[in-house]
């Protein structure tokens, strides 16, 4: 069963509201704490979830499928945004 998109044309602002955080109308923001990935020759899957760190349990809620070229572009974008974040807010430390 396909999920119906909301018909209203309002936008959602993520919290905290920072420059570039405006979500286009009709787009549903998704939050994830955990990530997993897998691939075939034609596709790369990024699996978003909430509890991958708890051993074999995972609560996956979103899968993003991209081409290998798209995955490389996503990697480059994430490196750039994390570098900008750390320049503004300091190094991100792993727990």
Protein backbone atom coordinates (compact mmCIF):
# COMPACT_ATOMS: atom_id res chain seq x y z
CA UNK A 1 0.00 0.00 0.00
CA UNK A 2 1.44 3.38 -1.02
CA UNK A 3 1.63 6.12 1.58
CA UNK A 4 -0.38 9.16 0.51
CA UNK A 5 1.44 12.48 0.52
CA UNK A 6 -0.27 15.34 2.36
CA UNK A 7 -2.28 17.59 0.02
CA UNK A 8 -1.65 20.86 1.88
CA UNK A 9 1.15 23.08 0.62
CA UNK A 10 2.75 24.09 3.92
CA UNK A 11 6.44 23.81 4.67
CA UNK A 12 8.06 22.28 7.73
CA UNK A 13 11.02 23.82 9.54
CA UNK A 14 13.34 21.41 11.29
CA UNK A 15 14.48 22.29 14.82
CA UNK A 16 16.75 24.10 15.50
CA UNK A 17 15.93 26.42 12.61
CA UNK A 18 19.24 27.15 10.89
CA UNK A 19 20.05 28.42 7.43
CA UNK A 20 19.30 25.73 4.88
CA UNK A 21 17.00 23.76 7.20
CA UNK A 22 13.76 24.62 5.41
CA UNK A 23 12.03 21.51 4.08
CA UNK A 24 10.14 21.93 0.78
CA UNK A 25 6.34 21.64 0.87
CA UNK A 26 5.09 18.05 0.66
CA UNK A 27 8.40 16.55 1.81
CA UNK A 28 8.31 14.51 5.02
CA UNK A 29 11.49 14.85 7.14
CA UNK A 30 13.01 11.57 8.36
CA UNK A 31 15.33 11.29 11.39
CA UNK A 32 17.77 8.40 11.75
CA UNK A 33 20.33 7.50 14.43
CA UNK A 34 21.68 4.40 12.73
CA UNK A 35 22.72 3.55 9.20
CA UNK A 36 23.56 0.40 7.30
CA UNK A 37 24.39 -0.02 3.63
CA UNK A 38 24.59 -2.77 1.06
CA UNK A 39 24.96 -2.93 -2.71
CA UNK A 40 24.67 -4.90 -5.92
CA UNK A 41 26.40 -4.10 -9.19
CA UNK A 42 23.55 -1.75 -10.19
CA UNK A 43 22.31 -0.23 -6.91
CA UNK A 44 23.44 0.96 -3.48
CA UNK A 45 20.98 0.80 -0.58
CA UNK A 46 21.31 3.07 2.44
CA UNK A 47 19.13 1.73 5.26
CA UNK A 48 18.09 4.25 7.92
CA UNK A 49 16.93 3.14 11.32
CA UNK A 50 16.90 3.69 15.03
CA UNK A 51 18.57 0.73 16.75
CA UNK A 52 21.22 -0.97 14.58
CA UNK A 53 23.76 -0.66 17.42
CA UNK A 54 21.82 -3.15 19.57
CA UNK A 55 23.35 -6.32 18.17
CA UNK A 56 21.17 -8.10 15.63
CA UNK A 57 18.08 -6.03 16.44
CA UNK A 58 17.32 -3.17 14.13
CA UNK A 59 14.35 -1.00 13.52
CA UNK A 60 14.70 0.14 9.92
CA UNK A 61 12.25 2.76 8.76
CA UNK A 62 13.59 4.08 5.44
CA UNK A 63 15.62 2.69 2.54
CA UNK A 64 17.28 4.99 0.02
CA UNK A 65 18.22 3.35 -3.28
CA UNK A 66 20.73 5.11 -5.52
CA UNK A 67 23.04 4.26 -8.38
CA UNK A 68 26.73 3.74 -7.56
CA UNK A 69 27.41 7.20 -9.07
CA UNK A 70 24.65 8.68 -6.89
CA UNK A 71 26.18 6.99 -3.83
CA UNK A 72 29.54 8.56 -4.64
CA UNK A 73 27.88 11.97 -4.92
CA UNK A 74 26.14 11.41 -1.56
CA UNK A 75 29.49 10.47 0.01
CA UNK A 76 31.12 13.63 -1.35
CA UNK A 77 28.23 15.77 -0.10
CA UNK A 78 28.37 14.23 3.39
CA UNK A 79 32.14 14.81 3.63
CA UNK A 80 31.64 18.44 2.64
CA UNK A 81 28.77 19.05 5.11
CA UNK A 82 30.56 17.33 8.03
CA UNK A 83 33.69 19.41 7.33
CA UNK A 84 31.58 22.61 7.37
CA UNK A 85 29.82 21.52 10.57
CA UNK A 86 33.12 20.86 12.35
CA UNK A 87 34.53 24.23 11.26
CA UNK A 88 31.47 25.93 12.78
CA UNK A 89 30.89 23.79 15.88
CA UNK A 90 34.15 21.95 16.57
CA UNK A 91 35.13 18.31 16.08
CA UNK A 92 32.49 15.60 16.32
CA UNK A 93 33.63 13.10 18.93
CA UNK A 94 32.52 9.46 18.91
CA UNK A 95 31.09 8.27 22.24
